[in-house]
Amino acid sequence: MKKIKLLYFLIPAIFMFSCNNKENDFDASGSFEAVETILSAEANGQILQLNVEEGQQLEAGQKVGFIDSTQLAINKMQLRQNEKAILSGRPQIQIQTESLKRQLDNAVLDRNRTEKLVKGGVASQKQLDDINSKVAALQAQIKAQKSSLETTTENLTQQGNTVGVQLKGIEDQLNKSMIVNPIKGTVLTKYAEQYEMAVIGKPLYKIANLETLDLRAYITGTQLPQIKIGQQVKVRIDEGEKKYKEYQGTIAWISDKSEFSPKTIPTKDERANLVYAIKVRVKNDGYLKIGMYGEVLWSK
């Protein structure tokens, strides 16, 4: 009779234990993570504005502040003046050779008239030869002057181009003085404040897109043949005592190398020394957080 009563009390306990054990069963577990980007300063100077707060949503390409660029702006104005002065010194070839061209035109007219006079016996051949020599001399003089002026123009143009390259460098530095958010996401950590001094490479804030998170979980070698990239799985997180909130997930990555089992992450087989990391991509409804524990289920 005592054995019957004992069995009567043990049956519900065994049933409850089996239910709880089934509820806690999972194929893999891990923690949620996101691609975190640390935005660093690209210029030196005082941070005059930084409109960023932790938890703030930012869009890609959004301007969130700027670093003092007064000296860069002054350098830019100086270079522009230098470029203008250099280019204004280029000779005007057409105007500076105009006088010689007129002399050449007159000499050609004299030559034509002299040729007619020589044919008529009025002028001598020597006079024609002298005029031909004058025409040739003027042509050579114009060619030499034009070549010299073109060389001067080319040299000044090259000097102006050098200043132009320096201006592009200043423009690039001015653009980097603007703090522009690179990706859409949520600000996780703010490292700098307004009016602090910034140097190139100094972290300003950390941002991550939390619309989709990856659950980095670990599986054993025996589980490896059961999954593939693109496979749909269930992901669940704790929701109160003995309750779970489920999500639809997609296996996005499977490591091709094994590693030692992380001490903080339980696996399907606790005896396994080597495991493989996987990433399960889950759309975030706002309840998923970076570092939160989660479980993966795909077995039927």
Protein backbone atom coordinates (compact mmCIF):
# COMPACT_ATOMS: atom_id res chain seq x y z
CA MET A 1 0.00 0.00 0.00
CA LYS A 2 2.87 2.36 0.82
CA LYS A 3 4.50 1.59 -2.54
CA ILE A 4 1.26 2.42 -4.36
CA LYS A 5 0.95 5.75 -2.56
CA LEU A 6 4.60 6.58 -3.28
CA LEU A 7 4.10 5.76 -6.95
CA TYR A 8 0.99 7.94 -6.96
CA PHE A 9 3.05 10.96 -5.90
CA LEU A 10 6.05 10.16 -8.13
CA ILE A 11 4.14 9.92 -11.44
CA PRO A 12 3.14 13.67 -11.58
CA ALA A 13 6.66 14.67 -10.52
CA ILE A 14 8.20 12.56 -13.29
CA PHE A 15 5.72 14.01 -15.80
CA MET A 16 6.50 17.57 -14.76
CA PHE A 17 10.23 16.91 -14.92
CA SER A 18 9.96 15.45 -18.43
CA CYS A 19 7.91 18.44 -19.59
CA ASN A 20 10.39 20.91 -18.15
CA ASN A 21 13.29 18.96 -19.63
CA LYS A 22 11.63 19.06 -23.05
CA GLU A 23 10.94 22.79 -22.71
CA ASN A 24 14.61 23.45 -21.89
CA ASP A 25 15.88 21.28 -24.72
CA PHE A 26 17.81 23.09 -27.45
CA ASP A 27 20.21 22.31 -30.26
CA ALA A 28 22.66 25.19 -29.74
CA SER A 29 23.02 28.30 -27.65
CA GLY A 30 25.00 31.50 -27.64
CA SER A 31 24.70 35.25 -27.36
CA PHE A 32 23.48 37.97 -29.71
CA GLU A 33 25.96 40.29 -31.41
CA ALA A 34 25.99 42.99 -34.07
CA VAL A 35 28.55 44.56 -36.37
CA GLU A 36 29.85 47.44 -34.28
CA THR A 37 31.56 50.38 -35.97
CA ILE A 38 33.75 52.83 -34.06
CA LEU A 39 33.81 56.24 -35.73
CA SER A 40 37.13 57.99 -35.16
CA ALA A 41 38.27 61.56 -35.79
CA GLU A 42 39.89 62.17 -39.19
CA ALA A 43 41.27 65.61 -38.32
CA ASN A 44 43.14 67.36 -35.53
CA GLY A 45 41.55 70.20 -33.57
CA GLN A 46 38.87 71.12 -31.09
CA ILE A 47 35.50 69.41 -31.40
CA LEU A 48 33.18 72.37 -31.89
CA GLN A 49 30.03 70.26 -32.30
CA LEU A 50 29.10 66.64 -31.63
CA ASN A 51 25.34 66.01 -31.70
CA VAL A 52 25.45 62.37 -30.62
CA GLU A 53 23.87 60.68 -27.62
CA GLU A 54 23.86 57.05 -26.56
CA GLY A 55 20.72 55.30 -27.80
CA GLN A 56 20.22 57.84 -30.58
CA GLN A 57 19.17 56.61 -34.01
CA LEU A 58 21.35 57.96 -36.83
CA GLU A 59 21.05 57.74 -40.59
CA ALA A 60 23.89 56.96 -43.00
CA GLY A 61 25.49 60.17 -44.25
CA GLN A 62 24.02 62.26 -41.44
CA LYS A 63 26.26 65.13 -40.30
CA VAL A 64 26.61 64.98 -36.53
CA GLY A 65 29.34 67.53 -35.84
CA PHE A 66 32.56 69.16 -36.96
CA ILE A 67 36.13 69.83 -35.81
CA ASP A 68 37.68 73.30 -35.87
CA SER A 69 39.09 73.95 -39.37
CA THR A 70 39.92 77.69 -39.21
CA GLN A 71 43.59 77.25 -40.14
CA LEU A 72 42.65 74.98 -43.03
CA ALA A 73 40.27 77.61 -44.37
CA ILE A 74 43.02 80.27 -44.17
CA ASN A 75 45.46 77.99 -45.97
CA LYS A 76 42.87 77.40 -48.65
CA MET A 77 42.44 81.16 -49.26
CA GLN A 78 46.23 81.63 -49.45
CA LEU A 79 46.59 78.83 -51.97
CA ARG A 80 43.80 80.24 -54.11
CA GLN A 81 45.54 83.63 -54.19
CA ASN A 82 48.83 81.96 -55.11
CA GLU A 83 47.15 80.01 -57.89
CA LYS A 84 45.50 83.15 -59.22
CA ALA A 85 48.79 85.09 -59.18
CA ILE A 86 50.67 82.30 -60.97
CA LEU A 87 48.10 81.80 -63.70
CA SER A 88 47.68 85.53 -64.29
CA GLY A 89 51.41 85.69 -65.19
CA ARG A 90 50.92 83.50 -68.26
CA PRO A 91 51.80 85.49 -71.42
CA GLN A 92 49.21 86.27 -74.08
CA ILE A 93 50.94 84.75 -77.06
CA GLN A 94 48.58 86.20 -79.66
CA ILE A 95 49.04 89.79 -78.45
CA GLN A 96 52.80 89.58 -77.85
CA THR A 97 53.47 88.23 -81.35
CA GLU A 98 51.00 90.57 -83.09
CA SER A 99 53.64 93.25 -83.83
CA LEU A 100 56.01 90.82 -85.51
CA LYS A 101 53.16 89.30 -87.53
CA ARG A 102 52.30 92.76 -88.91
CA GLN A 103 55.93 93.32 -89.86
CA LEU A 104 55.90 89.94 -91.59
CA ASP A 105 52.70 90.79 -93.50
CA ASN A 106 54.25 94.05 -94.71
CA ALA A 107 57.46 92.28 -95.71
CA VAL A 108 55.45 89.71 -97.69
CA LEU A 109 53.66 92.54 -99.54
CA ASP A 110 56.99 94.19 -100.33
CA ARG A 111 58.31 90.89 -101.61
CA ASN A 112 55.33 90.42 -103.91
CA ARG A 113 55.72 93.92 -105.30
CA THR A 114 59.47 93.49 -105.73
CA GLU A 115 58.95 90.19 -107.60
CA LYS A 116 56.76 92.05 -110.12
CA LEU A 117 59.32 94.83 -110.42
CA VAL A 118 62.12 92.34 -110.99
CA LYS A 119 60.10 90.70 -113.76
CA GLY A 120 59.59 94.17 -115.30
CA GLY A 121 63.28 94.95 -115.02
CA VAL A 122 62.66 97.88 -112.69
CA ALA A 123 64.17 96.30 -109.53
CA SER A 124 67.28 94.20 -109.09
CA GLN A 125 67.53 90.61 -107.92
CA LYS A 126 69.51 91.78 -104.88
CA GLN A 127 66.58 93.84 -103.66
CA LEU A 128 64.35 90.76 -103.92
CA ASP A 129 66.92 88.63 -102.08
CA ASP A 130 67.13 91.20 -99.28
CA ILE A 131 63.37 91.22 -98.85
CA ASN A 132 63.26 87.40 -98.86
CA SER A 133 65.89 87.38 -96.14
CA LYS A 134 63.84 89.84 -94.12
CA VAL A 135 60.72 87.66 -94.49
CA ALA A 136 62.63 84.55 -93.38
CA ALA A 137 64.14 86.40 -90.42
CA LEU A 138 60.73 87.62 -89.27
CA GLN A 139 59.27 84.11 -89.61
CA ALA A 140 62.10 82.65 -87.54
CA GLN A 141 61.74 85.41 -84.95
CA ILE A 142 58.01 84.81 -84.61
CA LYS A 143 58.59 81.05 -84.26
CA ALA A 144 61.27 81.53 -81.60
CA GLN A 145 59.19 84.02 -79.62
CA LYS A 146 56.11 81.84 -79.84
CA SER A 147 58.10 78.82 -78.62
CA SER A 148 59.54 80.81 -75.71
CA LEU A 149 56.11 82.14 -74.72
CA GLU A 150 54.56 78.66 -74.93
CA THR A 151 57.31 77.28 -72.68
CA THR A 152 56.68 80.05 -70.16
CA THR A 153 52.94 79.40 -70.32
CA GLU A 154 53.45 75.66 -69.77
CA ASN A 155 55.74 76.24 -66.79
CA LEU A 156 53.29 78.63 -65.14
CA THR A 157 50.41 76.24 -65.87
CA GLN A 158 52.32 73.40 -64.19
CA GLN A 159 52.97 75.62 -61.16
CA GLY A 160 49.28 76.45 -61.05
CA ASN A 161 48.42 72.73 -61.26
CA THR A 162 50.74 72.03 -58.32
CA VAL A 163 48.88 74.61 -56.26
CA GLY A 164 45.62 73.03 -57.49
CA VAL A 165 46.71 69.65 -56.10
CA GLN A 166 47.52 71.32 -52.78
CA LEU A 167 44.04 72.86 -52.81
CA LYS A 168 42.49 69.41 -53.30
CA GLY A 169 44.45 68.20 -50.27
CA ILE A 170 43.10 71.11 -48.21
CA GLU A 171 39.58 70.36 -49.47
CA ASP A 172 39.96 66.74 -48.39
CA GLN A 173 41.10 67.83 -44.92
CA LEU A 174 38.18 70.25 -44.67
CA ASN A 175 35.77 67.46 -45.60
CA LYS A 176 37.32 65.23 -42.93
CA SER A 177 36.77 67.99 -40.39
CA MET A 178 33.05 67.32 -40.80
CA ILE A 179 31.89 64.39 -38.64
CA VAL A 180 29.59 62.34 -40.86
CA ASN A 181 27.89 59.19 -39.59
CA PRO A 182 28.84 56.27 -41.89
CA ILE A 183 25.99 53.77 -41.34
CA LYS A 184 22.39 53.64 -40.23
CA GLY A 185 22.17 52.43 -36.66
CA THR A 186 21.99 53.12 -32.95
CA VAL A 187 24.72 54.86 -30.96
CA LEU A 188 26.02 52.34 -28.41
CA THR A 189 28.80 54.29 -26.70
CA LYS A 190 29.97 57.91 -26.81
CA TYR A 191 33.70 58.43 -26.25
CA ALA A 192 34.15 62.20 -26.77
CA GLU A 193 32.38 65.42 -25.83
CA GLN A 194 32.04 68.86 -27.37
CA TYR A 195 35.05 71.19 -26.89
CA GLU A 196 37.45 68.31 -26.29
CA MET A 197 40.58 68.12 -28.44
CA ALA A 198 40.53 65.55 -31.21
CA VAL A 199 43.46 63.90 -32.91
CA ILE A 200 43.37 61.70 -35.97
CA GLY A 201 42.26 58.23 -34.89
CA LYS A 202 40.62 59.28 -31.62
CA PRO A 203 37.35 57.32 -31.11
CA LEU A 204 34.27 59.53 -31.04
CA TYR A 205 31.41 57.02 -30.72
CA LYS A 206 30.42 53.44 -31.46
CA ILE A 207 27.39 52.58 -33.58
CA ALA A 208 25.66 49.39 -34.73
CA ASN A 209 22.62 48.53 -36.80
CA LEU A 210 20.29 46.75 -34.38
CA GLU A 211 17.49 46.03 -36.87
CA THR A 212 19.01 42.59 -37.40
CA LEU A 213 21.19 40.74 -34.88
CA ASP A 214 23.31 37.61 -35.16
CA LEU A 215 23.08 34.89 -32.56
CA ARG A 216 26.57 33.42 -32.33
CA ALA A 217 26.02 29.85 -31.19
CA TYR A 218 28.15 26.71 -30.99
CA ILE A 219 27.45 23.20 -32.26
CA THR A 220 29.28 19.89 -31.97
CA GLY A 221 30.84 17.97 -34.81
CA THR A 222 27.95 15.48 -34.85
CA GLN A 223 25.49 18.34 -35.39
CA LEU A 224 27.45 19.83 -38.30
CA PRO A 225 25.83 17.64 -41.01
CA GLN A 226 22.35 18.65 -39.78
CA ILE A 227 22.55 22.31 -40.80
CA LYS A 228 23.40 24.42 -43.83
CA ILE A 229 23.67 28.12 -44.70
CA GLY A 230 20.25 29.62 -45.44
CA GLN A 231 18.40 27.07 -43.30
CA GLN A 232 15.44 28.39 -41.33
CA VAL A 233 15.59 27.67 -37.59
CA LYS A 234 13.83 28.71 -34.41
CA VAL A 235 15.46 31.08 -31.95
CA ARG A 236 14.14 31.66 -28.48
CA ILE A 237 14.95 33.86 -25.52
CA ASP A 238 13.75 33.85 -21.94
CA GLU A 239 10.46 35.65 -21.34
CA GLY A 240 9.71 35.50 -17.68
CA GLU A 241 9.86 32.40 -15.51
CA LYS A 242 9.74 29.17 -17.54
CA LYS A 243 8.54 31.07 -20.62
CA TYR A 244 10.20 31.65 -23.97
CA LYS A 245 9.80 34.16 -26.77
CA GLU A 246 10.39 32.64 -30.20
CA TYR A 247 11.80 34.17 -33.38
CA GLN A 248 12.40 32.97 -36.91
CA GLY A 249 16.11 32.85 -37.74
CA THR A 250 18.31 32.04 -40.71
CA ILE A 251 21.72 30.39 -40.51
CA ALA A 252 24.00 32.96 -42.15
CA TRP A 253 27.46 31.53 -41.42
CA ILE A 254 29.09 28.29 -40.35
CA SER A 255 32.72 28.22 -39.28
CA ASP A 256 34.99 25.85 -41.18
CA LYS A 257 37.30 25.50 -38.18
CA SER A 258 36.63 23.93 -34.81
CA GLU A 259 37.52 25.58 -31.51
CA PHE A 260 37.47 24.67 -27.84
CA SER A 261 34.06 24.84 -26.19
CA PRO A 262 33.44 28.26 -24.59
CA LYS A 263 33.06 27.85 -20.83
CA THR A 264 30.16 30.30 -20.64
CA ILE A 265 28.09 28.79 -23.46
CA PRO A 266 26.42 25.37 -22.98
CA THR A 267 26.31 22.99 -25.93
CA LYS A 268 24.09 20.06 -26.87
CA ASP A 269 26.76 17.63 -25.74
CA GLU A 270 28.56 18.95 -22.67
CA ARG A 271 31.29 16.33 -23.19
CA ALA A 272 32.36 17.81 -26.53
CA ASN A 273 35.75 19.50 -26.36
CA LEU A 274 35.67 20.98 -29.86
CA VAL A 275 32.75 22.88 -31.33
CA TYR A 276 31.94 24.92 -34.43
CA ALA A 277 30.66 28.49 -34.33
CA ILE A 278 27.59 29.48 -36.33
CA LYS A 279 25.69 32.73 -36.81
CA VAL A 280 21.92 32.81 -36.93
CA ARG A 281 20.48 36.04 -38.30
CA VAL A 282 17.35 37.26 -36.51
CA LYS A 283 15.18 40.29 -37.23
CA ASN A 284 15.03 42.40 -34.09
CA ASP A 285 11.67 43.58 -32.79
CA GLY A 286 13.35 45.72 -30.16
CA TYR A 287 13.51 43.09 -27.43
CA LEU A 288 16.77 41.53 -28.58
CA LYS A 289 19.92 43.09 -27.10
CA ILE A 290 23.61 42.67 -27.74
CA GLY A 291 25.04 40.09 -25.33
CA MET A 292 21.64 38.53 -24.56
CA TYR A 293 21.56 34.74 -24.26
CA GLY A 294 19.60 32.80 -26.86
CA GLU A 295 18.91 29.23 -27.96
CA VAL A 296 18.59 27.66 -31.40
CA LEU A 297 16.31 24.76 -32.33
CA TRP A 298 16.12 22.90 -35.64
CA SER A 299 15.58 19.27 -34.63
CA LYS A 300 12.10 17.91 -35.10
